[in-house]
Amino acid sequence: MKLKLALAAALMAASSGVAPVLAANAAEPAPSRDCFPSRAITGYGISGEHTAYLTVGVRHYFLHINESTRDLDYDHNVSVRSLSSFICTGNGLGVQLMGGYPPIPHQVVGIERAPPGQPPHWAPGYHGEHD
């Protein structure tokens, strides 16, 4: 009897259009859970004294570190090390920038998505070697 009632309620909800609305809302990622796979990183650069950026497709992400970004040796490979295969915006827990020879870890203390538009190294206020 309970199974018939549950089935009837599910059919009524589906026919009233409630179910598709819930499914559409569930598919949208929450802004606070903006994640990308670490293998999707296609570029990197410096955008401030304690801020590097990553390019992931057409998006850019700022990575904040406590050390100076000048300590990252770009004559050698710079890489990102993460405890998981996905990197998410937020506090940067478990994410490190590796740079230099031998590679020196720089703990990431914050990750945020850059505003859409030009890459961060072209943004107003950037003072780098391309100015």
N, C-alpha and C. Protein backbone atom coordinates (compact mmCIF):
# COMPACT_ATOMS: atom_id res chain seq x y z
N MET A 1 0.82 -1.19 0.00
CA MET A 1 0.00 0.00 0.00
C MET A 1 0.87 1.26 0.00
N LYS A 2 1.92 1.27 0.88
CA LYS A 2 2.80 2.43 0.94
C LYS A 2 3.55 2.62 -0.37
N LEU A 3 3.90 1.52 -1.02
CA LEU A 3 4.61 1.60 -2.29
C LEU A 3 3.73 2.25 -3.35
N LYS A 4 2.45 1.91 -3.37
CA LYS A 4 1.52 2.51 -4.34
C LYS A 4 1.38 4.00 -4.09
N LEU A 5 1.32 4.42 -2.82
CA LEU A 5 1.21 5.84 -2.50
C LEU A 5 2.48 6.59 -2.92
N ALA A 6 3.63 6.00 -2.66
CA ALA A 6 4.90 6.63 -3.03
C ALA A 6 5.01 6.76 -4.54
N LEU A 7 4.61 5.72 -5.26
CA LEU A 7 4.66 5.76 -6.72
C LEU A 7 3.70 6.81 -7.27
N ALA A 8 2.52 6.90 -6.69
CA ALA A 8 1.54 7.90 -7.13
C ALA A 8 2.06 9.31 -6.87
N ALA A 9 2.69 9.54 -5.72
CA ALA A 9 3.24 10.86 -5.39
C ALA A 9 4.37 11.22 -6.35
N ALA A 10 5.20 10.25 -6.70
CA ALA A 10 6.30 10.50 -7.63
C ALA A 10 5.78 10.84 -9.02
N LEU A 11 4.74 10.14 -9.45
CA LEU A 11 4.15 10.43 -10.76
C LEU A 11 3.50 11.81 -10.78
N MET A 12 2.85 12.20 -9.70
CA MET A 12 2.24 13.52 -9.63
C MET A 12 3.30 14.62 -9.66
N ALA A 13 4.39 14.40 -8.94
CA ALA A 13 5.46 15.40 -8.92
C ALA A 13 6.10 15.54 -10.29
N ALA A 14 6.29 14.41 -10.96
CA ALA A 14 6.91 14.45 -12.29
C ALA A 14 5.99 15.11 -13.31
N SER A 15 4.70 14.85 -13.21
CA SER A 15 3.77 15.44 -14.18
C SER A 15 3.51 16.92 -13.92
N SER A 16 3.76 17.37 -12.69
CA SER A 16 3.52 18.79 -12.39
C SER A 16 4.71 19.67 -12.78
N GLY A 17 5.81 19.06 -13.18
CA GLY A 17 6.96 19.84 -13.61
C GLY A 17 7.94 20.17 -12.50
N VAL A 18 7.73 19.64 -11.30
CA VAL A 18 8.64 19.90 -10.18
C VAL A 18 9.95 19.15 -10.37
N ALA A 19 9.88 17.94 -10.84
CA ALA A 19 11.08 17.12 -10.96
C ALA A 19 12.11 17.73 -11.93
N PRO A 20 11.72 18.21 -13.12
CA PRO A 20 12.74 18.79 -14.01
C PRO A 20 13.39 20.04 -13.43
N VAL A 21 12.66 20.84 -12.67
CA VAL A 21 13.24 22.04 -12.07
C VAL A 21 14.31 21.66 -11.06
N LEU A 22 14.03 20.65 -10.26
CA LEU A 22 15.02 20.21 -9.27
C LEU A 22 16.25 19.66 -9.95
N ALA A 23 16.07 18.90 -11.04
CA ALA A 23 17.21 18.34 -11.74
C ALA A 23 18.05 19.44 -12.38
N ALA A 24 17.43 20.46 -12.93
CA ALA A 24 18.18 21.56 -13.55
C ALA A 24 18.98 22.33 -12.51
N ASN A 25 18.39 22.57 -11.34
CA ASN A 25 19.11 23.29 -10.29
C ASN A 25 20.26 22.46 -9.73
N ALA A 26 20.11 21.15 -9.67
CA ALA A 26 21.17 20.30 -9.14
C ALA A 26 22.36 20.25 -10.09
N ALA A 27 22.14 20.45 -11.39
CA ALA A 27 23.22 20.37 -12.37
C ALA A 27 24.13 21.60 -12.34
N GLU A 28 23.65 22.73 -11.82
CA GLU A 28 24.46 23.94 -11.78
C GLU A 28 25.45 23.87 -10.62
N PRO A 29 26.75 24.04 -10.88
CA PRO A 29 27.71 23.99 -9.77
C PRO A 29 27.58 25.23 -8.88
N ALA A 30 27.73 25.00 -7.61
CA ALA A 30 27.72 26.13 -6.68
C ALA A 30 29.00 26.93 -6.86
N PRO A 31 28.93 28.27 -6.80
CA PRO A 31 30.13 29.08 -7.00
C PRO A 31 31.24 28.76 -6.00
N SER A 32 30.89 28.32 -4.81
CA SER A 32 31.91 28.03 -3.81
C SER A 32 32.62 26.71 -4.10
N ARG A 33 32.10 25.88 -4.97
CA ARG A 33 32.71 24.60 -5.31
C ARG A 33 33.21 24.61 -6.75
N ASP A 34 33.92 25.63 -7.13
CA ASP A 34 34.48 25.74 -8.47
C ASP A 34 35.75 24.91 -8.51
N CYS A 35 35.71 23.78 -9.20
CA CYS A 35 36.84 22.85 -9.23
C CYS A 35 37.28 22.57 -10.66
N PHE A 36 38.52 22.14 -10.80
CA PHE A 36 39.04 21.74 -12.10
C PHE A 36 40.05 20.62 -11.88
N PRO A 37 40.19 19.72 -12.87
CA PRO A 37 41.18 18.65 -12.73
C PRO A 37 42.59 19.21 -12.90
N SER A 38 43.51 18.72 -12.11
CA SER A 38 44.88 19.25 -12.17
C SER A 38 45.52 18.98 -13.53
N ARG A 39 45.11 17.94 -14.23
CA ARG A 39 45.67 17.65 -15.55
C ARG A 39 45.19 18.61 -16.63
N ALA A 40 44.19 19.46 -16.30
CA ALA A 40 43.64 20.41 -17.28
C ALA A 40 44.39 21.74 -17.29
N ILE A 41 45.39 21.91 -16.43
CA ILE A 41 46.15 23.16 -16.38
C ILE A 41 46.98 23.30 -17.65
N THR A 42 46.82 24.44 -18.33
CA THR A 42 47.53 24.64 -19.60
C THR A 42 48.56 25.76 -19.54
N GLY A 43 48.64 26.49 -18.44
CA GLY A 43 49.62 27.57 -18.34
C GLY A 43 49.66 28.14 -16.94
N TYR A 44 50.66 28.98 -16.70
CA TYR A 44 50.82 29.61 -15.39
C TYR A 44 51.59 30.90 -15.55
N GLY A 45 51.56 31.71 -14.53
CA GLY A 45 52.30 32.96 -14.55
C GLY A 45 52.24 33.63 -13.20
N ILE A 46 52.79 34.83 -13.12
CA ILE A 46 52.83 35.61 -11.89
C ILE A 46 51.93 36.82 -12.06
N SER A 47 51.13 37.10 -11.04
CA SER A 47 50.28 38.30 -11.11
C SER A 47 50.48 39.21 -9.90
N GLY A 48 51.37 38.87 -8.99
CA GLY A 48 51.63 39.72 -7.83
C GLY A 48 52.76 39.15 -6.99
N GLU A 49 53.13 39.86 -5.94
CA GLU A 49 54.24 39.45 -5.08
C GLU A 49 54.00 38.09 -4.42
N HIS A 50 52.75 37.80 -4.07
CA HIS A 50 52.41 36.54 -3.42
C HIS A 50 51.31 35.80 -4.16
N THR A 51 51.13 36.11 -5.45
CA THR A 51 50.04 35.52 -6.22
C THR A 51 50.53 35.05 -7.58
N ALA A 52 50.28 33.77 -7.85
CA ALA A 52 50.52 33.21 -9.17
C ALA A 52 49.14 32.93 -9.78
N TYR A 53 49.11 32.65 -11.07
CA TYR A 53 47.83 32.28 -11.67
C TYR A 53 48.02 31.04 -12.53
N LEU A 54 46.95 30.28 -12.66
CA LEU A 54 46.91 29.11 -13.52
C LEU A 54 45.91 29.36 -14.62
N THR A 55 46.20 28.87 -15.81
CA THR A 55 45.25 28.91 -16.91
C THR A 55 44.69 27.51 -17.07
N VAL A 56 43.36 27.43 -17.07
CA VAL A 56 42.66 26.16 -17.25
C VAL A 56 41.62 26.40 -18.34
N GLY A 57 41.94 26.02 -19.55
CA GLY A 57 41.04 26.32 -20.68
C GLY A 57 40.99 27.82 -20.90
N VAL A 58 39.80 28.41 -20.80
CA VAL A 58 39.66 29.86 -20.96
C VAL A 58 39.56 30.57 -19.61
N ARG A 59 39.62 29.81 -18.53
CA ARG A 59 39.53 30.40 -17.19
C ARG A 59 40.91 30.56 -16.57
N HIS A 60 40.99 31.48 -15.63
CA HIS A 60 42.24 31.71 -14.90
C HIS A 60 41.92 31.67 -13.41
N TYR A 61 42.85 31.12 -12.64
CA TYR A 61 42.69 31.00 -11.20
C TYR A 61 43.90 31.60 -10.51
N PHE A 62 43.66 32.39 -9.46
CA PHE A 62 44.74 32.95 -8.65
C PHE A 62 45.09 31.97 -7.55
N LEU A 63 46.38 31.73 -7.34
CA LEU A 63 46.87 30.93 -6.24
C LEU A 63 47.71 31.83 -5.35
N HIS A 64 47.32 31.97 -4.11
CA HIS A 64 48.02 32.83 -3.16
C HIS A 64 48.96 31.97 -2.32
N ILE A 65 50.21 32.43 -2.19
CA ILE A 65 51.20 31.73 -1.36
C ILE A 65 51.78 32.72 -0.36
N ASN A 66 52.33 32.20 0.74
CA ASN A 66 52.94 33.07 1.74
C ASN A 66 54.31 33.58 1.30
N GLU A 67 55.06 32.75 0.59
CA GLU A 67 56.38 33.14 0.13
C GLU A 67 56.26 34.07 -1.08
N SER A 68 57.36 34.67 -1.43
CA SER A 68 57.38 35.54 -2.61
C SER A 68 57.35 34.68 -3.88
N THR A 69 56.62 35.13 -4.87
CA THR A 69 56.58 34.40 -6.14
C THR A 69 57.91 34.49 -6.87
N ARG A 70 58.77 35.40 -6.45
CA ARG A 70 60.11 35.48 -7.05
C ARG A 70 60.96 34.26 -6.69
N ASP A 71 60.55 33.54 -5.63
CA ASP A 71 61.26 32.33 -5.24
C ASP A 71 60.97 31.16 -6.18
N LEU A 72 59.91 31.29 -6.99
CA LEU A 72 59.63 30.25 -7.98
C LEU A 72 60.60 30.46 -9.14
N ASP A 73 61.39 29.46 -9.45
CA ASP A 73 62.41 29.58 -10.48
C ASP A 73 61.81 29.14 -11.82
N TYR A 74 61.49 30.11 -12.68
CA TYR A 74 60.86 29.79 -13.95
C TYR A 74 61.85 29.31 -15.00
N ASP A 75 63.16 29.24 -14.66
CA ASP A 75 64.12 28.64 -15.58
C ASP A 75 63.95 27.13 -15.59
N HIS A 76 63.33 26.62 -14.54
CA HIS A 76 63.03 25.19 -14.44
C HIS A 76 61.51 25.04 -14.41
N ASN A 77 61.05 23.83 -14.44
CA ASN A 77 59.61 23.59 -14.45
C ASN A 77 58.95 24.08 -13.18
N VAL A 78 57.77 24.64 -13.33
CA VAL A 78 56.90 24.95 -12.21
C VAL A 78 55.72 24.00 -12.33
N SER A 79 55.38 23.36 -11.25
CA SER A 79 54.27 22.41 -11.29
C SER A 79 53.36 22.63 -10.09
N VAL A 80 52.20 22.01 -10.16
CA VAL A 80 51.22 22.07 -9.09
C VAL A 80 51.07 20.66 -8.54
N ARG A 81 51.18 20.54 -7.23
CA ARG A 81 51.00 19.25 -6.58
C ARG A 81 49.75 19.34 -5.72
N SER A 82 48.89 18.32 -5.82
CA SER A 82 47.64 18.32 -5.07
C SER A 82 47.42 16.94 -4.47
N LEU A 83 46.74 16.90 -3.32
CA LEU A 83 46.44 15.62 -2.69
C LEU A 83 45.36 14.85 -3.44
N SER A 84 44.57 15.55 -4.26
CA SER A 84 43.54 14.88 -5.05
C SER A 84 43.72 15.26 -6.52
N SER A 85 42.94 14.64 -7.38
CA SER A 85 43.06 14.94 -8.80
C SER A 85 42.32 16.22 -9.19
N PHE A 86 41.50 16.76 -8.28
CA PHE A 86 40.79 18.01 -8.54
C PHE A 86 41.27 19.09 -7.59
N ILE A 87 41.34 20.31 -8.09
CA ILE A 87 41.71 21.48 -7.29
C ILE A 87 40.49 22.39 -7.25
N CYS A 88 40.12 22.82 -6.05
CA CYS A 88 38.92 23.64 -5.89
C CYS A 88 39.28 25.00 -5.30
N THR A 89 38.44 26.00 -5.61
CA THR A 89 38.63 27.32 -5.02
C THR A 89 38.39 27.21 -3.52
N GLY A 90 39.02 28.10 -2.79
CA GLY A 90 38.88 28.08 -1.33
C GLY A 90 40.22 28.28 -0.67
N ASN A 91 40.47 27.50 0.39
CA ASN A 91 41.66 27.74 1.22
C ASN A 91 42.94 27.11 0.67
N GLY A 92 42.89 26.31 -0.36
CA GLY A 92 44.10 25.75 -0.96
C GLY A 92 44.71 24.61 -0.17
N LEU A 93 43.97 24.06 0.76
CA LEU A 93 44.48 22.97 1.59
C LEU A 93 44.90 21.78 0.72
N GLY A 94 46.13 21.33 0.87
CA GLY A 94 46.63 20.19 0.12
C GLY A 94 47.18 20.53 -1.25
N VAL A 95 47.30 21.82 -1.59
CA VAL A 95 47.81 22.22 -2.90
C VAL A 95 49.13 22.96 -2.70
N GLN A 96 50.13 22.61 -3.51
CA GLN A 96 51.44 23.25 -3.45
C GLN A 96 51.90 23.62 -4.85
N LEU A 97 52.57 24.77 -4.96
CA LEU A 97 53.29 25.13 -6.17
C LEU A 97 54.72 24.64 -5.99
N MET A 98 55.24 23.93 -6.98
CA MET A 98 56.60 23.41 -6.91
C MET A 98 57.42 24.16 -7.95
N GLY A 99 58.56 24.71 -7.53
CA GLY A 99 59.39 25.44 -8.47
C GLY A 99 60.85 25.40 -8.08
N GLY A 100 61.71 25.52 -9.07
CA GLY A 100 63.15 25.56 -8.82
C GLY A 100 63.81 24.22 -9.03
N TYR A 101 65.12 24.20 -8.82
CA TYR A 101 65.87 22.96 -8.91
C TYR A 101 66.82 22.88 -7.73
N PRO A 102 66.67 21.96 -6.84
CA PRO A 102 65.59 20.97 -6.77
C PRO A 102 64.26 21.64 -6.49
N PRO A 103 63.14 21.00 -6.86
CA PRO A 103 61.83 21.62 -6.66
C PRO A 103 61.57 21.95 -5.19
N ILE A 104 61.18 23.19 -4.94
CA ILE A 104 60.88 23.65 -3.58
C ILE A 104 59.37 23.85 -3.48
N PRO A 105 58.72 23.24 -2.46
CA PRO A 105 57.27 23.41 -2.33
C PRO A 105 56.90 24.76 -1.73
N HIS A 106 55.86 25.36 -2.28
CA HIS A 106 55.29 26.61 -1.76
C HIS A 106 53.82 26.33 -1.47
N GLN A 107 53.44 26.33 -0.19
CA GLN A 107 52.08 26.00 0.20
C GLN A 107 51.10 27.06 -0.29
N VAL A 108 50.04 26.63 -0.95
CA VAL A 108 48.98 27.53 -1.42
C VAL A 108 48.03 27.78 -0.25
N VAL A 109 47.76 29.05 0.04
CA VAL A 109 46.89 29.41 1.17
C VAL A 109 45.53 29.91 0.71
N GLY A 110 45.32 30.05 -0.59
CA GLY A 110 44.03 30.48 -1.11
C GLY A 110 43.97 30.34 -2.61
N ILE A 111 42.80 29.94 -3.12
CA ILE A 111 42.58 29.80 -4.55
C ILE A 111 41.28 30.50 -4.89
N GLU A 112 41.30 31.34 -5.92
CA GLU A 112 40.08 32.01 -6.37
C GLU A 112 40.09 32.13 -7.88
N ARG A 113 38.90 32.14 -8.47
CA ARG A 113 38.81 32.29 -9.91
C ARG A 113 38.98 33.76 -10.27
N ALA A 114 39.79 34.03 -11.29
CA ALA A 114 39.99 35.40 -11.77
C ALA A 114 38.74 35.86 -12.51
N PRO A 115 38.47 37.16 -12.50
CA PRO A 115 37.31 37.64 -13.25
C PRO A 115 37.48 37.35 -14.74
N PRO A 116 36.37 37.16 -15.46
CA PRO A 116 36.50 36.88 -16.89
C PRO A 116 37.10 38.07 -17.63
N GLY A 117 37.73 37.77 -18.72
CA GLY A 117 38.36 38.83 -19.52
C GLY A 117 39.77 38.45 -19.88
N GLN A 118 40.63 39.44 -19.92
CA GLN A 118 42.02 39.22 -20.31
C GLN A 118 42.75 38.41 -19.24
N PRO A 119 43.81 37.70 -19.65
CA PRO A 119 44.61 36.97 -18.66
C PRO A 119 45.14 37.91 -17.58
N PRO A 120 45.36 37.41 -16.37
CA PRO A 120 45.78 38.26 -15.25
C PRO A 120 47.05 39.06 -15.52
N HIS A 121 48.00 38.54 -16.30
CA HIS A 121 49.24 39.28 -16.53
C HIS A 121 49.03 40.47 -17.46
N TRP A 122 47.87 40.59 -18.08
CA TRP A 122 47.55 41.75 -18.90
C TRP A 122 46.65 42.72 -18.17
N ALA A 123 46.24 42.37 -16.96
CA ALA A 123 45.28 43.18 -16.22
C ALA A 123 45.91 44.50 -15.77
N PRO A 124 45.10 45.56 -15.62
CA PRO A 124 45.63 46.83 -15.11
C PRO A 124 46.21 46.63 -13.71
N GLY A 125 47.32 47.26 -13.45
CA GLY A 125 47.95 47.15 -12.14
C GLY A 125 49.00 46.06 -12.05
N TYR A 126 49.10 45.21 -13.08
CA TYR A 126 50.13 44.18 -13.05
C TYR A 126 51.47 44.81 -13.38
N HIS A 127 52.46 44.54 -12.58
CA HIS A 127 53.81 45.08 -12.80
C HIS A 127 54.77 43.91 -12.98
N GLY A 128 55.00 43.55 -14.21
CA GLY A 128 55.90 42.45 -14.49
C GLY A 128 56.84 42.82 -15.61
N GLU A 129 57.54 41.84 -16.12
CA GLU A 129 58.54 42.11 -17.15
C GLU A 129 57.91 42.42 -18.50
N HIS A 130 56.59 42.23 -18.65
CA HIS A 130 55.94 42.50 -19.93
C HIS A 130 55.44 43.93 -20.03
N ASP A 131 55.61 44.76 -19.01
CA ASP A 131 55.10 46.15 -19.03
C ASP A 131 55.92 47.03 -19.94
